[in-house]
């Protein structure tokens, strides 16, 4: 009857890897692994996004 499809793991981009690295630095990676990115507060998401933006901007200046 109901056939279960296994999801193909999404290939991680450089931005995904950067977001994961920042989450680990902030100590929220365990929560993300357990409950997903949706479980984070707006404050935590904003912090990750802000740090990502800064690092991407800084990387652009270097190259």
N, C-alpha and C. Protein backbone atom coordinates (compact mmCIF):
# COMPACT_ATOMS: atom_id res chain seq x y z
N UNK A 1 0.82 -1.19 0.00
CA UNK A 1 0.00 0.00 0.00
C UNK A 1 0.86 1.25 0.00
N UNK A 2 1.12 1.80 1.22
CA UNK A 2 1.91 3.02 1.31
C UNK A 2 3.40 2.73 1.22
N UNK A 3 3.96 3.13 0.11
CA UNK A 3 5.39 2.89 -0.08
C UNK A 3 6.17 4.06 0.52
N UNK A 4 7.15 3.73 1.33
CA UNK A 4 7.96 4.76 1.97
C UNK A 4 9.18 5.04 1.12
N UNK A 5 9.35 6.30 0.80
CA UNK A 5 10.54 6.71 0.05
C UNK A 5 11.55 7.26 1.02
N UNK A 6 12.79 6.86 0.82
CA UNK A 6 13.82 7.45 1.67
C UNK A 6 14.29 8.73 0.98
N UNK A 7 14.45 9.77 1.77
CA UNK A 7 14.90 11.04 1.23
C UNK A 7 16.36 10.95 0.86
N UNK A 8 16.69 11.54 -0.25
CA UNK A 8 18.07 11.64 -0.67
C UNK A 8 18.71 12.76 0.15
N UNK A 9 19.84 12.49 0.80
CA UNK A 9 20.46 13.56 1.59
C UNK A 9 20.83 14.74 0.70
N UNK A 10 20.49 15.93 1.17
CA UNK A 10 20.79 17.15 0.42
C UNK A 10 22.29 17.39 0.44
N UNK A 11 22.81 17.76 -0.71
CA UNK A 11 24.23 18.09 -0.78
C UNK A 11 24.45 19.45 -0.13
N UNK A 12 25.39 19.52 0.79
CA UNK A 12 25.63 20.76 1.52
C UNK A 12 26.45 21.75 0.70
N UNK A 13 25.99 22.99 0.70
CA UNK A 13 26.71 24.06 0.00
C UNK A 13 27.71 24.69 0.96
N UNK A 14 28.52 25.61 0.45
CA UNK A 14 29.48 26.31 1.30
C UNK A 14 28.75 27.12 2.38
N UNK A 15 27.62 27.71 2.01
CA UNK A 15 26.83 28.47 2.98
C UNK A 15 26.28 27.57 4.08
N UNK A 16 25.82 26.37 3.70
CA UNK A 16 25.33 25.41 4.70
C UNK A 16 26.43 25.06 5.68
N UNK A 17 27.62 24.79 5.15
CA UNK A 17 28.75 24.43 6.01
C UNK A 17 29.14 25.58 6.93
N UNK A 18 29.08 26.81 6.41
CA UNK A 18 29.38 27.98 7.23
C UNK A 18 28.34 28.12 8.34
N UNK A 19 27.07 27.91 8.02
CA UNK A 19 26.00 28.01 9.02
C UNK A 19 26.19 26.97 10.12
N UNK A 20 26.57 25.76 9.73
CA UNK A 20 26.81 24.69 10.70
C UNK A 20 28.00 25.04 11.59
N UNK A 21 29.06 25.55 10.98
CA UNK A 21 30.26 25.94 11.74
C UNK A 21 29.92 26.99 12.78
N UNK A 22 29.13 27.98 12.40
CA UNK A 22 28.74 29.05 13.32
C UNK A 22 27.86 28.49 14.43
N UNK A 23 26.92 27.62 14.08
CA UNK A 23 26.04 27.01 15.09
C UNK A 23 26.87 26.24 16.12
N UNK A 24 27.90 25.54 15.66
CA UNK A 24 28.77 24.81 16.59
C UNK A 24 29.51 25.79 17.50
N UNK A 25 30.00 26.90 16.93
CA UNK A 25 30.71 27.90 17.73
C UNK A 25 29.81 28.52 18.79
N UNK A 26 28.54 28.70 18.46
CA UNK A 26 27.59 29.31 19.39
C UNK A 26 27.01 28.31 20.38
N UNK A 27 27.31 27.03 20.18
CA UNK A 27 26.84 26.00 21.09
C UNK A 27 25.39 25.60 20.88
N UNK A 28 24.85 25.85 19.69
CA UNK A 28 23.45 25.50 19.42
C UNK A 28 23.31 24.35 18.42
N UNK A 29 24.44 23.80 17.98
CA UNK A 29 24.40 22.75 16.97
C UNK A 29 23.68 21.50 17.45
N UNK A 30 23.86 21.14 18.72
CA UNK A 30 23.20 19.94 19.25
C UNK A 30 21.68 20.07 19.15
N UNK A 31 21.19 21.26 19.47
CA UNK A 31 19.74 21.51 19.38
C UNK A 31 19.27 21.41 17.93
N UNK A 32 20.06 21.95 17.00
CA UNK A 32 19.70 21.91 15.58
C UNK A 32 19.66 20.46 15.10
N UNK A 33 20.67 19.68 15.48
CA UNK A 33 20.70 18.27 15.07
C UNK A 33 19.50 17.51 15.61
N UNK A 34 19.14 17.81 16.85
CA UNK A 34 18.05 17.08 17.51
C UNK A 34 16.68 17.50 16.99
N UNK A 35 16.45 18.82 16.92
CA UNK A 35 15.10 19.34 16.65
C UNK A 35 14.97 20.12 15.34
N UNK A 36 16.07 20.36 14.65
CA UNK A 36 16.01 21.10 13.38
C UNK A 36 16.19 22.60 13.57
N UNK A 37 16.44 23.28 12.47
CA UNK A 37 16.67 24.73 12.51
C UNK A 37 15.43 25.47 12.98
N UNK A 38 14.25 24.90 12.74
CA UNK A 38 13.00 25.55 13.12
C UNK A 38 12.87 25.71 14.63
N UNK A 39 13.61 24.91 15.39
CA UNK A 39 13.49 24.94 16.85
C UNK A 39 14.22 26.12 17.49
N UNK A 40 15.03 26.82 16.71
CA UNK A 40 15.80 27.94 17.27
C UNK A 40 14.93 29.17 17.46
N UNK A 41 15.29 29.96 18.44
CA UNK A 41 14.58 31.22 18.67
C UNK A 41 14.96 32.21 17.57
N UNK A 42 14.15 33.25 17.44
CA UNK A 42 14.46 34.29 16.46
C UNK A 42 15.81 34.93 16.77
N UNK A 43 16.11 35.07 18.05
CA UNK A 43 17.38 35.67 18.45
C UNK A 43 18.56 34.81 17.97
N UNK A 44 18.46 33.50 18.17
CA UNK A 44 19.55 32.60 17.76
C UNK A 44 19.70 32.60 16.24
N UNK A 45 18.58 32.59 15.53
CA UNK A 45 18.64 32.61 14.06
C UNK A 45 19.27 33.91 13.57
N UNK A 46 18.89 35.01 14.20
CA UNK A 46 19.46 36.30 13.83
C UNK A 46 20.95 36.37 14.09
N UNK A 47 21.37 35.76 15.19
CA UNK A 47 22.79 35.75 15.53
C UNK A 47 23.58 34.97 14.46
N UNK A 48 23.06 33.79 14.09
CA UNK A 48 23.72 32.97 13.07
C UNK A 48 23.77 33.74 11.75
N UNK A 49 22.64 34.32 11.35
CA UNK A 49 22.57 35.07 10.10
C UNK A 49 23.50 36.27 10.09
N UNK A 50 23.57 36.98 11.20
CA UNK A 50 24.43 38.15 11.29
C UNK A 50 25.90 37.78 11.17
N UNK A 51 26.30 36.73 11.85
CA UNK A 51 27.69 36.28 11.77
C UNK A 51 28.01 35.79 10.37
N UNK A 52 27.06 35.06 9.76
CA UNK A 52 27.26 34.59 8.38
C UNK A 52 27.48 35.77 7.44
N UNK A 53 26.62 36.79 7.55
CA UNK A 53 26.72 37.97 6.68
C UNK A 53 28.08 38.65 6.84
N UNK A 54 28.50 38.80 8.08
CA UNK A 54 29.78 39.46 8.35
C UNK A 54 30.94 38.67 7.73
N UNK A 55 30.92 37.36 7.92
CA UNK A 55 32.01 36.54 7.38
C UNK A 55 32.01 36.54 5.86
N UNK A 56 30.83 36.49 5.26
CA UNK A 56 30.76 36.52 3.79
C UNK A 56 31.23 37.86 3.25
N UNK A 57 30.85 38.96 3.93
CA UNK A 57 31.30 40.30 3.54
C UNK A 57 32.80 40.41 3.66
N UNK A 58 33.36 39.93 4.78
CA UNK A 58 34.80 39.97 4.99
C UNK A 58 35.54 39.13 3.94
N UNK A 59 35.00 37.98 3.60
CA UNK A 59 35.63 37.12 2.60
C UNK A 59 35.63 37.80 1.23
N UNK A 60 34.60 38.56 0.94
CA UNK A 60 34.51 39.27 -0.34
C UNK A 60 35.57 40.35 -0.43
N UNK A 61 35.83 41.02 0.70
CA UNK A 61 36.83 42.09 0.74
C UNK A 61 38.23 41.54 0.50
N UNK A 62 38.47 40.32 0.99
CA UNK A 62 39.80 39.73 0.88
C UNK A 62 40.11 39.35 -0.56
N UNK A 63 39.11 38.84 -1.28
CA UNK A 63 39.36 38.38 -2.67
C UNK A 63 39.25 39.48 -3.67
